[in-house]
C-alpha atoms as a PDB file:
ATOM      1  CA  MET A   1     -30.576 -34.930  -7.510  1.00  0.00           C
ATOM      2  CA  PRO A   2     -29.186 -38.442  -7.017  1.00  0.00           C
ATOM      3  CA  ILE A   3     -27.280 -39.972  -9.873  1.00  0.00           C
ATOM      4  CA  GLU A   4     -29.081 -42.953 -11.364  1.00  0.00           C
ATOM      5  CA  TYR A   5     -27.316 -45.924 -12.863  1.00  0.00           C
ATOM      6  CA  GLY A   6     -28.462 -48.427 -15.433  1.00  0.00           C
ATOM      7  CA  SER A   7     -31.814 -49.184 -16.950  1.00  0.00           C
ATOM      8  CA  ARG A   8     -34.778 -49.520 -14.636  1.00  0.00           C
ATOM      9  CA  ASN A   9     -37.268 -50.560 -17.291  1.00  0.00           C
ATOM     10  CA  ASN A  10     -36.093 -53.954 -18.508  1.00  0.00           C
ATOM     11  CA  VAL A  11     -36.892 -57.015 -16.418  1.00  0.00           C
ATOM     12  CA  LYS A  12     -34.100 -59.602 -16.579  1.00  0.00           C
ATOM     13  CA  HIS A  13     -33.261 -62.968 -15.091  1.00  0.00           C
ATOM     14  CA  TRP A  14     -30.415 -62.658 -12.580  1.00  0.00           C
ATOM     15  CA  ASN A  15     -27.952 -64.499 -14.836  1.00  0.00           C
ATOM     16  CA  GLU A  16     -28.616 -61.987 -17.630  1.00  0.00           C
ATOM     17  CA  CYS A  17     -27.327 -59.128 -15.476  1.00  0.00           C
ATOM     18  CA  THR A  18     -23.965 -57.639 -16.383  1.00  0.00           C
ATOM     19  CA  ASP A  19     -22.795 -57.186 -12.776  1.00  0.00           C
ATOM     20  CA  VAL A  20     -24.057 -56.837  -9.213  1.00  0.00           C
ATOM     21  CA  HIS A  21     -25.205 -53.260  -9.795  1.00  0.00           C
ATOM     22  CA  ASP A  22     -27.263 -54.357 -12.789  1.00  0.00           C
ATOM     23  CA  PHE A  23     -28.740 -57.053 -10.544  1.00  0.00           C
ATOM     24  CA  LEU A  24     -29.542 -54.444  -7.892  1.00  0.00           C
ATOM     25  CA  GLU A  25     -31.392 -52.406 -10.502  1.00  0.00           C
ATOM     26  CA  GLN A  26     -33.653 -55.416 -11.043  1.00  0.00           C
ATOM     27  CA  ILE A  27     -34.403 -55.414  -7.330  1.00  0.00           C
ATOM     28  CA  ARG A  28     -34.998 -51.666  -7.383  1.00  0.00           C
ATOM     29  CA  LEU A  29     -37.377 -52.155 -10.319  1.00  0.00           C
ATOM     30  CA  ARG A  30     -39.495 -54.737  -8.451  1.00  0.00           C
ATOM     31  CA  PRO A  31     -38.736 -54.538  -4.714  1.00  0.00           C
ATOM     32  CA  GLY A  32     -42.026 -56.172  -3.788  1.00  0.00           C
ATOM     33  CA  VAL A  33     -41.117 -59.269  -5.813  1.00  0.00           C
ATOM     34  CA  TRP A  34     -37.578 -59.611  -4.493  1.00  0.00           C
ATOM     35  CA  LEU A  35     -38.121 -58.323  -0.951  1.00  0.00           C
ATOM     36  CA  PRO A  36     -41.770 -58.914  -0.033  1.00  0.00           C
ATOM     37  CA  GLY A  37     -41.074 -58.211   3.641  1.00  0.00           C
ATOM     38  CA  GLY A  38     -38.907 -55.168   2.958  1.00  0.00           C
ATOM     39  CA  SER A  39     -35.985 -56.602   4.962  1.00  0.00           C
ATOM     40  CA  LEU A  40     -32.472 -55.500   4.070  1.00  0.00           C
ATOM     41  CA  ARG A  41     -31.092 -58.577   5.764  1.00  0.00           C
ATOM     42  CA  SER A  42     -32.974 -60.557   3.121  1.00  0.00           C
ATOM     43  CA  LEU A  43     -31.359 -58.335   0.495  1.00  0.00           C
ATOM     44  CA  GLU A  44     -27.926 -58.990   2.001  1.00  0.00           C
ATOM     45  CA  SER A  45     -28.549 -62.746   1.803  1.00  0.00           C
ATOM     46  CA  ILE A  46     -29.736 -62.446  -1.805  1.00  0.00           C
ATOM     47  CA  LEU A  47     -26.615 -60.510  -2.797  1.00  0.00           C
ATOM     48  CA  ILE A  48     -24.280 -62.986  -1.128  1.00  0.00           C
ATOM     49  CA  GLY A  49     -26.171 -65.813  -2.838  1.00  0.00           C
ATOM     50  CA  TYR A  50     -25.727 -64.012  -6.159  1.00  0.00           C
ATOM     51  CA  ARG A  51     -21.967 -63.727  -5.594  1.00  0.00           C
ATOM     52  CA  ILE A  52     -21.658 -67.370  -4.559  1.00  0.00           C
ATOM     53  CA  ALA A  53     -23.598 -68.430  -7.655  1.00  0.00           C
ATOM     54  CA  LEU A  54     -21.142 -66.511  -9.827  1.00  0.00           C
ATOM     55  CA  GLY A  55     -18.267 -68.237  -8.064  1.00  0.00           C
ATOM     56  CA  VAL A  56     -19.754 -71.649  -8.828  1.00  0.00           C
ATOM     57  CA  HIS A  57     -19.641 -70.677 -12.512  1.00  0.00           C
ATOM     58  CA  ALA A  58     -16.052 -69.393 -12.138  1.00  0.00           C
ATOM     59  CA  VAL A  59     -17.067 -65.774 -12.751  1.00  0.00           C
ATOM     60  CA  ASP A  60     -14.612 -63.474 -10.967  1.00  0.00           C
ATOM     61  CA  GLU A  61     -16.652 -60.306 -10.480  1.00  0.00           C
ATOM     62  CA  PRO A  62     -15.777 -57.524  -8.014  1.00  0.00           C
ATOM     63  CA  PHE A  63     -18.256 -57.504  -5.144  1.00  0.00           C
ATOM     64  CA  ASP A  64     -18.588 -54.711  -2.581  1.00  0.00           C
ATOM     65  CA  PHE A  65     -21.421 -56.060  -0.438  1.00  0.00           C
ATOM     66  CA  TRP A  66     -19.831 -58.581   1.911  1.00  0.00           C
ATOM     67  CA  PRO A  67     -20.721 -57.810   5.559  1.00  0.00           C
ATOM     68  CA  GLU A  68     -17.283 -56.207   6.002  1.00  0.00           C
ATOM     69  CA  GLY A  69     -16.804 -55.151   2.388  1.00  0.00           C
ATOM     70  CA  ALA A  70     -16.257 -51.803   0.719  1.00  0.00           C
ATOM     71  CA  PHE A  71     -19.886 -50.660   0.947  1.00  0.00           C
ATOM     72  CA  ALA A  72     -20.020 -51.423   4.681  1.00  0.00           C
ATOM     73  CA  GLN A  73     -16.813 -49.492   5.279  1.00  0.00           C
ATOM     74  CA  TRP A  74     -18.057 -46.521   3.270  1.00  0.00           C
ATOM     75  CA  LEU A  75     -21.375 -46.581   5.148  1.00  0.00           C
ATOM     76  CA  ARG A  76     -19.649 -46.403   8.533  1.00  0.00           C
ATOM     77  CA  GLN A  77     -17.542 -43.491   7.362  1.00  0.00           C
ATOM     78  CA  HIS A  78     -20.607 -41.794   5.875  1.00  0.00           C
ATOM     79  CA  LEU A  79     -22.573 -42.227   9.119  1.00  0.00           C
ATOM     80  CA  GLU A  80     -19.471 -41.385  11.204  1.00  0.00           C
ATOM     81  CA  GLN A  81     -20.060 -44.465  13.336  1.00  0.00           C
ATOM     82  CA  HIS A  82     -18.009 -47.575  14.050  1.00  0.00           C
ATOM     83  CA  SER A  83     -20.824 -49.999  14.721  1.00  0.00           C
ATOM     84  CA  SER A  84     -20.379 -53.776  14.764  1.00  0.00           C
ATOM     85  CA  LEU A  85     -23.668 -54.108  12.862  1.00  0.00           C
ATOM     86  CA  GLY A  86     -23.620 -55.208   9.240  1.00  0.00           C
ATOM     87  CA  TRP A  87     -24.629 -52.724   6.557  1.00  0.00           C
ATOM     88  CA  ALA A  88     -28.166 -54.131   6.311  1.00  0.00           C
ATOM     89  CA  SER A  89     -28.899 -53.832  10.034  1.00  0.00           C
ATOM     90  CA  GLU A  90     -27.212 -50.425  10.195  1.00  0.00           C
ATOM     91  CA  ILE A  91     -29.363 -48.974   7.409  1.00  0.00           C
ATOM     92  CA  GLU A  92     -32.503 -50.419   8.982  1.00  0.00           C
ATOM     93  CA  ARG A  93     -31.495 -48.774  12.260  1.00  0.00           C
ATOM     94  CA  VAL A  94     -30.987 -45.300  10.783  1.00  0.00           C
ATOM     95  CA  THR A  95     -33.889 -45.237   8.297  1.00  0.00           C
ATOM     96  CA  PRO A  96     -35.737 -41.947   8.903  1.00  0.00           C
ATOM     97  CA  ASP A  97     -39.463 -41.612   9.386  1.00  0.00           C
ATOM     98  CA  GLY A  98     -41.312 -41.368   6.094  1.00  0.00           C
ATOM     99  CA  SER A  99     -38.878 -43.672   4.301  1.00  0.00           C
ATOM    100  CA  SER A 100     -38.355 -47.429   4.197  1.00  0.00           C
ATOM    101  CA  PRO A 101     -35.132 -49.424   4.644  1.00  0.00           C
ATOM    102  CA  VAL A 102     -35.203 -50.443   0.980  1.00  0.00           C
ATOM    103  CA  GLU A 103     -35.646 -46.843  -0.188  1.00  0.00           C
ATOM    104  CA  GLU A 104     -32.874 -45.739   2.164  1.00  0.00           C
ATOM    105  CA  PHE A 105     -30.545 -48.465   0.870  1.00  0.00           C
ATOM    106  CA  PHE A 106     -30.947 -47.357  -2.744  1.00  0.00           C
ATOM    107  CA  ARG A 107     -30.511 -43.703  -1.790  1.00  0.00           C
ATOM    108  CA  LEU A 108     -27.242 -44.564  -0.052  1.00  0.00           C
ATOM    109  CA  LEU A 109     -26.203 -46.871  -2.887  1.00  0.00           C
ATOM    110  CA  ASP A 110     -26.581 -44.043  -5.405  1.00  0.00           C
ATOM    111  CA  ARG A 111     -24.446 -41.789  -3.233  1.00  0.00           C
ATOM    112  CA  TYR A 112     -21.831 -44.528  -2.742  1.00  0.00           C
ATOM    113  CA  ARG A 113     -21.502 -44.983  -6.489  1.00  0.00           C
ATOM    114  CA  ALA A 114     -21.537 -41.254  -7.182  1.00  0.00           C
ATOM    115  CA  GLU A 115     -18.617 -40.756  -4.800  1.00  0.00           C
ATOM    116  CA  SER A 116     -16.735 -43.490  -6.656  1.00  0.00           C
ATOM    117  CA  VAL A 117     -15.262 -45.101  -3.563  1.00  0.00           C
ATOM    118  CA  SER A 118     -15.720 -48.644  -4.808  1.00  0.00           C
ATOM    119  CA  PRO A 119     -12.426 -50.556  -4.948  1.00  0.00           C
ATOM    120  CA  THR A 120     -13.412 -51.563  -8.478  1.00  0.00           C
ATOM    121  CA  SER A 121     -13.508 -47.970  -9.720  1.00  0.00           C
ATOM    122  CA  GLY A 122     -11.390 -45.834  -7.414  1.00  0.00           C
ATOM    123  CA  PRO A 123      -7.678 -45.552  -6.672  1.00  0.00           C
ATOM    124  CA  ARG A 124      -7.845 -47.417  -3.358  1.00  0.00           C
ATOM    125  CA  TRP A 125      -6.824 -51.039  -2.840  1.00  0.00           C
ATOM    126  CA  ARG A 126      -4.833 -51.290  -6.048  1.00  0.00           C
ATOM    127  CA  THR A 127      -1.472 -52.963  -6.373  1.00  0.00           C
ATOM    128  CA  ASP A 128      -0.148 -49.788  -8.060  1.00  0.00           C
ATOM    129  CA  HIS A 129      -0.865 -47.760  -4.904  1.00  0.00           C
ATOM    130  CA  PRO A 130       2.266 -45.727  -3.972  1.00  0.00           C
ATOM    131  CA  ALA A 131       2.550 -47.571  -0.633  1.00  0.00           C
ATOM    132  CA  MET A 132       2.979 -50.818  -2.558  1.00  0.00           C
ATOM    133  CA  ARG A 133       6.520 -49.739  -3.366  1.00  0.00           C
ATOM    134  CA  ALA A 134       7.457 -50.034   0.312  1.00  0.00           C
ATOM    135  CA  VAL A 135       6.023 -53.550   0.393  1.00  0.00           C
ATOM    136  CA  ARG A 136       8.021 -54.591  -2.672  1.00  0.00           C
ATOM    137  CA  ILE A 137      11.227 -53.102  -1.272  1.00  0.00           C
ATOM    138  CA  GLU A 138      10.692 -55.075   1.931  1.00  0.00           C
ATOM    139  CA  LEU A 139       9.994 -58.233  -0.060  1.00  0.00           C
ATOM    140  CA  ASP A 140      13.192 -57.772  -2.065  1.00  0.00           C
ATOM    141  CA  ARG A 141      15.326 -57.367   1.073  1.00  0.00           C
ATOM    142  CA  HIS A 142      14.961 -61.035   1.964  1.00  0.00           C
ATOM    143  CA  ASP A 143      16.613 -64.082   0.409  1.00  0.00           C
ATOM    144  CA  TRP A 144      13.488 -66.228   0.259  1.00  0.00           C
ATOM    145  CA  ALA A 145      15.150 -69.021  -1.679  1.00  0.00           C
ATOM    146  CA  ALA A 146      17.680 -69.488   1.136  1.00  0.00           C
ATOM    147  CA  MET A 147      14.953 -70.024   3.765  1.00  0.00           C
ATOM    148  CA  GLN A 148      13.365 -73.389   4.433  1.00  0.00           C
ATOM    149  CA  CYS A 149       9.585 -73.163   4.334  1.00  0.00           C
ATOM    150  CA  GLY A 150       7.337 -75.207   6.587  1.00  0.00           C
ATOM    151  CA  CYS A 151       6.282 -77.214   3.531  1.00  0.00           C
ATOM    152  CA  GLY A 152       9.831 -78.575   3.268  1.00  0.00           C
ATOM    153  CA  LYS A 153      10.757 -76.588   0.163  1.00  0.00           C
ATOM    154  CA  SER A 154      12.388 -73.184  -0.136  1.00  0.00           C
ATOM    155  CA  ALA A 155      10.336 -70.128   0.794  1.00  0.00           C
ATOM    156  CA  SER A 156      10.632 -68.669  -2.719  1.00  0.00           C
ATOM    157  CA  HIS A 157       6.889 -69.145  -3.281  1.00  0.00           C
ATOM    158  CA  LEU A 158       5.917 -66.965  -0.296  1.00  0.00           C
ATOM    159  CA  PRO A 159       6.332 -63.497  -1.897  1.00  0.00           C
ATOM    160  CA  ASP A 160       3.632 -64.241  -4.482  1.00  0.00           C
ATOM    161  CA  ALA A 161       1.377 -65.694  -1.782  1.00  0.00           C
ATOM    162  CA  LEU A 162       1.820 -62.546   0.316  1.00  0.00           C
ATOM    163  CA  LEU A 163       1.066 -60.264  -2.627  1.00  0.00           C
ATOM    164  CA  ARG A 164      -2.154 -62.170  -3.271  1.00  0.00           C
ATOM    165  CA  LEU A 165      -3.138 -61.813   0.373  1.00  0.00           C
ATOM    166  CA  ILE A 166      -2.333 -58.093   0.427  1.00  0.00           C
ATOM    167  CA  ALA A 167      -4.437 -57.557  -2.723  1.00  0.00           C
ATOM    168  CA  ALA A 168      -7.431 -59.574  -1.421  1.00  0.00           C
ATOM    169  CA  ARG A 169     -10.838 -58.012  -2.026  1.00  0.00           C
ATOM    170  CA  THR A 170     -13.185 -60.711  -0.759  1.00  0.00           C
ATOM    171  CA  PRO A 171     -13.269 -62.970   2.320  1.00  0.00           C
ATOM    172  CA  GLY A 172     -12.524 -65.900   0.043  1.00  0.00           C
ATOM    173  CA  ASP A 173      -9.354 -64.226  -1.233  1.00  0.00           C
ATOM    174  CA  ALA A 174      -8.304 -63.087   2.255  1.00  0.00           C
ATOM    175  CA  SER A 175      -7.322 -66.542   3.433  1.00  0.00           C
ATOM    176  CA  LEU A 176      -4.241 -67.601   5.366  1.00  0.00           C
ATOM    177  CA  ALA A 177      -4.271 -70.970   3.589  1.00  0.00           C
ATOM    178  CA  GLU A 178      -1.035 -70.142   1.762  1.00  0.00           C
ATOM    179  CA  VAL A 179       0.593 -69.172   5.070  1.00  0.00           C
ATOM    180  CA  ASP A 180      -0.631 -71.899   7.401  1.00  0.00           C
ATOM    181  CA  ASP A 181       1.750 -74.881   7.389  1.00  0.00           C
ATOM    182  CA  HIS A 182       4.307 -72.716   5.587  1.00  0.00           C
ATOM    183  CA  VAL A 183       5.079 -69.898   8.025  1.00  0.00           C
ATOM    184  CA  MET A 184       3.194 -71.352  10.988  1.00  0.00           C
ATOM    185  CA  ILE A 185       2.629 -75.022  11.731  1.00  0.00           C
ATOM    186  CA  GLN A 186       0.093 -74.764  14.531  1.00  0.00           C
ATOM    187  CA  SER A 187       2.012 -72.598  17.035  1.00  0.00           C
ATOM    188  CA  ASN A 188       5.451 -73.431  15.658  1.00  0.00           C
ATOM    189  CA  LEU A 189       6.990 -70.668  13.576  1.00  0.00           C
ATOM    190  CA  THR A 190       9.300 -71.540  10.694  1.00  0.00           C
ATOM    191  CA  ASP A 191      12.383 -69.803   9.300  1.00  0.00           C
ATOM    192  CA  PRO A 192      10.521 -67.296   7.062  1.00  0.00           C
ATOM    193  CA  ALA A 193       8.272 -66.034   9.895  1.00  0.00           C
ATOM    194  CA  PRO A 194      10.273 -62.850  10.703  1.00  0.00           C
ATOM    195  CA  ALA A 195      10.566 -61.879   7.033  1.00  0.00           C
ATOM    196  CA  VAL A 196       6.854 -62.469   6.455  1.00  0.00           C
ATOM    197  CA  THR A 197       6.043 -60.454   9.584  1.00  0.00           C
ATOM    198  CA  ALA A 198       8.090 -57.529   8.254  1.00  0.00           C
ATOM    199  CA  VAL A 199       6.224 -57.628   4.922  1.00  0.00           C
ATOM    200  CA  VAL A 200       2.847 -57.809   6.678  1.00  0.00           C
ATOM    201  CA  LEU A 201       3.709 -54.754   8.776  1.00  0.00           C
ATOM    202  CA  ALA A 202       4.816 -52.869   5.654  1.00  0.00           C
ATOM    203  CA  SER A 203       1.481 -53.651   4.007  1.00  0.00           C
ATOM    204  CA  LEU A 204      -0.465 -52.440   7.050  1.00  0.00           C
ATOM    205  CA  ALA A 205       1.425 -49.158   7.368  1.00  0.00           C
ATOM    206  CA  ASP A 206      -0.937 -47.359   4.964  1.00  0.00           C
ATOM    207  CA  PRO A 207      -4.552 -48.466   5.558  1.00  0.00           C
ATOM    208  CA  ASP A 208      -5.560 -47.262   2.088  1.00  0.00           C
ATOM    209  CA  LEU A 209      -3.382 -49.932   0.479  1.00  0.00           C
ATOM    210  CA  THR A 210      -5.536 -52.864   1.564  1.00  0.00           C
ATOM    211  CA  THR A 211      -9.203 -53.746   1.848  1.00  0.00           C
ATOM    212  CA  PRO A 212     -10.762 -54.308   5.279  1.00  0.00           C
ATOM    213  CA  VAL A 213     -10.940 -58.061   4.659  1.00  0.00           C
ATOM    214  CA  ALA A 214      -7.252 -58.187   3.731  1.00  0.00           C
ATOM    215  CA  ARG A 215      -6.302 -56.246   6.868  1.00  0.00           C
ATOM    216  CA  THR A 216      -8.390 -58.620   8.984  1.00  0.00           C
ATOM    217  CA  ALA A 217      -6.398 -61.588   7.663  1.00  0.00           C
ATOM    218  CA  LEU A 218      -3.079 -59.758   8.079  1.00  0.00           C
ATOM    219  CA  LEU A 219      -3.962 -58.902  11.686  1.00  0.00           C
ATOM    220  CA  GLN A 220      -4.916 -62.529  12.288  1.00  0.00           C
ATOM    221  CA  PHE A 221      -1.447 -63.495  11.061  1.00  0.00           C
ATOM    222  CA  LEU A 222       0.234 -61.071  13.480  1.00  0.00           C
ATOM    223  CA  LEU A 223      -1.808 -62.522  16.328  1.00  0.00           C
ATOM    224  CA  GLY A 224      -0.621 -65.993  15.407  1.00  0.00           C
ATOM    225  CA  VAL A 225       3.069 -65.127  15.321  1.00  0.00           C
ATOM    226  CA  SER A 226       2.827 -63.066  18.519  1.00  0.00           C
ATOM    227  CA  ALA A 227       1.729 -66.210  20.348  1.00  0.00           C
ATOM    228  CA  GLY A 228       4.013 -68.618  18.509  1.00  0.00           C
ATOM    229  CA  ASP A 229       6.712 -70.901  19.780  1.00  0.00           C
ATOM    230  CA  THR A 230      10.305 -71.407  18.584  1.00  0.00           C
ATOM    231  CA  THR A 231      13.125 -68.883  18.456  1.00  0.00           C
ATOM    232  CA  GLN A 232      11.580 -66.955  15.551  1.00  0.00           C
ATOM    233  CA  GLN A 233       8.791 -65.734  17.840  1.00  0.00           C
ATOM    234  CA  VAL A 234      11.142 -63.382  19.721  1.00  0.00           C
ATOM    235  CA  GLU A 235      12.204 -61.646  16.509  1.00  0.00           C
ATOM    236  CA  CYS A 236       8.615 -61.441  15.261  1.00  0.00           C
ATOM    237  CA  VAL A 237       7.447 -59.859  18.516  1.00  0.00           C
ATOM    238  CA  GLU A 238      10.165 -57.208  18.335  1.00  0.00           C
ATOM    239  CA  LEU A 239       9.175 -56.397  14.761  1.00  0.00           C
ATOM    240  CA  ILE A 240       5.516 -56.025  15.739  1.00  0.00           C
ATOM    241  CA  ARG A 241       6.424 -53.831  18.714  1.00  0.00           C
ATOM    242  CA  GLY A 242       8.191 -51.545  16.247  1.00  0.00           C
ATOM    243  CA  GLY A 243       4.854 -51.021  14.496  1.00  0.00           C
ATOM    244  CA  ILE A 244       2.700 -51.015  17.601  1.00  0.00           C
ATOM    245  CA  TRP A 245       0.709 -47.929  16.590  1.00  0.00           C
ATOM    246  CA  ILE A 246      -0.502 -49.808  13.523  1.00  0.00           C
ATOM    247  CA  LEU A 247      -2.262 -52.171  15.932  1.00  0.00           C
ATOM    248  CA  TYR A 248      -3.702 -49.310  17.958  1.00  0.00           C
ATOM    249  CA  ARG A 249      -4.957 -47.646  14.778  1.00  0.00           C
ATOM    250  CA  GLU A 250      -6.751 -50.833  13.727  1.00  0.00           C
ATOM    251  CA  LEU A 251      -8.067 -51.217  17.274  1.00  0.00           C
ATOM    252  CA  VAL A 252      -9.789 -47.853  16.906  1.00  0.00           C
ATOM    253  CA  ALA A 253     -10.650 -47.664  13.217  1.00  0.00           C
ATOM    254  CA  HIS A 254     -11.127 -51.099  11.658  1.00  0.00           C
ATOM    255  CA  PRO A 255     -14.793 -51.746  10.784  1.00  0.00           C
ATOM    256  CA  SER A 256     -14.616 -55.463  11.646  1.00  0.00           C
ATOM    257  CA  ILE A 257     -15.103 -56.584  15.239  1.00  0.00           C
ATOM    258  CA  ASP A 258     -12.959 -59.654  14.467  1.00  0.00           C
ATOM    259  CA  ALA A 259     -10.086 -57.487  13.246  1.00  0.00           C
ATOM    260  CA  ARG A 260     -10.298 -55.290  16.327  1.00  0.00           C
ATOM    261  CA  ALA A 261     -10.192 -58.424  18.479  1.00  0.00           C
ATOM    262  CA  HIS A 262      -7.085 -59.653  16.606  1.00  0.00           C
ATOM    263  CA  ALA A 263      -5.375 -56.306  17.210  1.00  0.00           C
ATOM    264  CA  TYR A 264      -6.324 -56.256  20.893  1.00  0.00           C
ATOM    265  CA  GLU A 265      -5.189 -59.826  21.558  1.00  0.00           C
ATOM    266  CA  THR A 266      -1.885 -59.183  19.783  1.00  0.00           C
ATOM    267  CA  LEU A 267      -1.328 -56.098  21.930  1.00  0.00           C
ATOM    268  CA  SER A 268      -2.173 -58.148  25.019  1.00  0.00           C
ATOM    269  CA  ASN A 269       0.593 -60.565  24.041  1.00  0.00           C
ATOM    270  CA  LEU A 270       3.340 -58.021  23.492  1.00  0.00           C
ATOM    271  CA  ASP A 271       2.638 -54.424  24.551  1.00  0.00           C
ATOM    272  CA  THR A 272       4.956 -53.631  27.442  1.00  0.00           C
ATOM    273  CA  GLU A 273       2.749 -50.681  28.457  1.00  0.00           C
ATOM    274  CA  GLN A 274      -0.285 -52.561  29.725  1.00  0.00           C
ATOM    275  CA  GLU A 275      -1.712 -49.409  31.337  1.00  0.00           C
ATOM    276  CA  ARG A 276      -2.000 -47.872  27.877  1.00  0.00           C
ATOM    277  CA  LEU A 277      -3.756 -50.967  26.560  1.00  0.00           C
ATOM    278  CA  ALA A 278      -6.124 -50.931  29.537  1.00  0.00           C
ATOM    279  CA  ALA A 279      -7.004 -47.296  28.796  1.00  0.00           C
ATOM    280  CA  PHE A 280      -7.833 -48.146  25.183  1.00  0.00           C
ATOM    281  CA  HIS A 281      -9.865 -51.151  26.294  1.00  0.00           C
ATOM    282  CA  HIS A 282     -11.873 -49.005  28.694  1.00  0.00           C
ATOM    283  CA  ALA A 283     -12.527 -46.312  26.076  1.00  0.00           C
ATOM    284  CA  LEU A 284     -13.376 -48.802  23.318  1.00  0.00           C
ATOM    285  CA  ARG A 285     -15.054 -51.596  25.275  1.00  0.00           C
ATOM    286  CA  ASP A 286     -18.112 -51.464  22.986  1.00  0.00           C
ATOM    287  CA  HIS A 287     -15.792 -52.182  20.043  1.00  0.00           C
ATOM    288  CA  PHE A 288     -14.881 -55.687  21.210  1.00  0.00           C
ATOM    289  CA  PRO A 289     -16.604 -59.067  21.299  1.00  0.00           C
ATOM    290  CA  ALA A 290     -18.043 -60.132  24.645  1.00  0.00           C
ATOM    291  CA  TYR A 291     -15.223 -62.571  25.409  1.00  0.00           C
ATOM    292  CA  LEU A 292     -12.789 -59.631  25.672  1.00  0.00           C
ATOM    293  CA  ASP A 293     -14.811 -57.776  28.330  1.00  0.00           C
END
């Protein structure tokens, strides 16, 4: 019997809900009111609108339902598929005869919550993850204060910026804004670039340390430094080559088509075994955006 969460009897206004799951119970209670056409893509839009509305009111609530968020990753693992479709389209695609997409969504939602894989309730994606120790050791190896940042000051502010990026749970958090113009100024790499690259690789070594959105941003960073100019680029490329199987793992396993593209383009820039890369491209060609065909 599926585990049920929350009250399904009390009708509330959305801003009276305690969290996104309470809000979803309101939709479950009256699906015809919220989703008159029965479209999960409409539900996805409603949920994103709910999260944006909370952000406007400065409410920092964990949210698992971004297109590449925790629920989407769990769904792909549950279905044993690595589709580029979002969770709404994927559930609509696999809905069995005799059910509806909305019914199937809530069935899967109950299972998702019962398995406790949400980053808000489980051990994954936490800064106290054992692999975080390796990241902190790598951070401490470098004399950040002695490096000149691209902003003109010392690079002593970069460790905190990197920790925030590594801990990102939402697309809004997983931004390179604190890296752009500090480590990279357009294609020009600055003094801290090799040290930052080493920390990024340490954070990617264990995929359970970071959320999919954080890994997407970290892979985007590696792509940028792999194509950079200045003398720091050579050192960065050698560091990335030392962790080349991290890129191949993300090429195969990351749920985001953008992240897989970042990994592939980085490998195109630096893998000395292009025959190997060609073999992966041939085997995984459905994993990539059309421009990489």
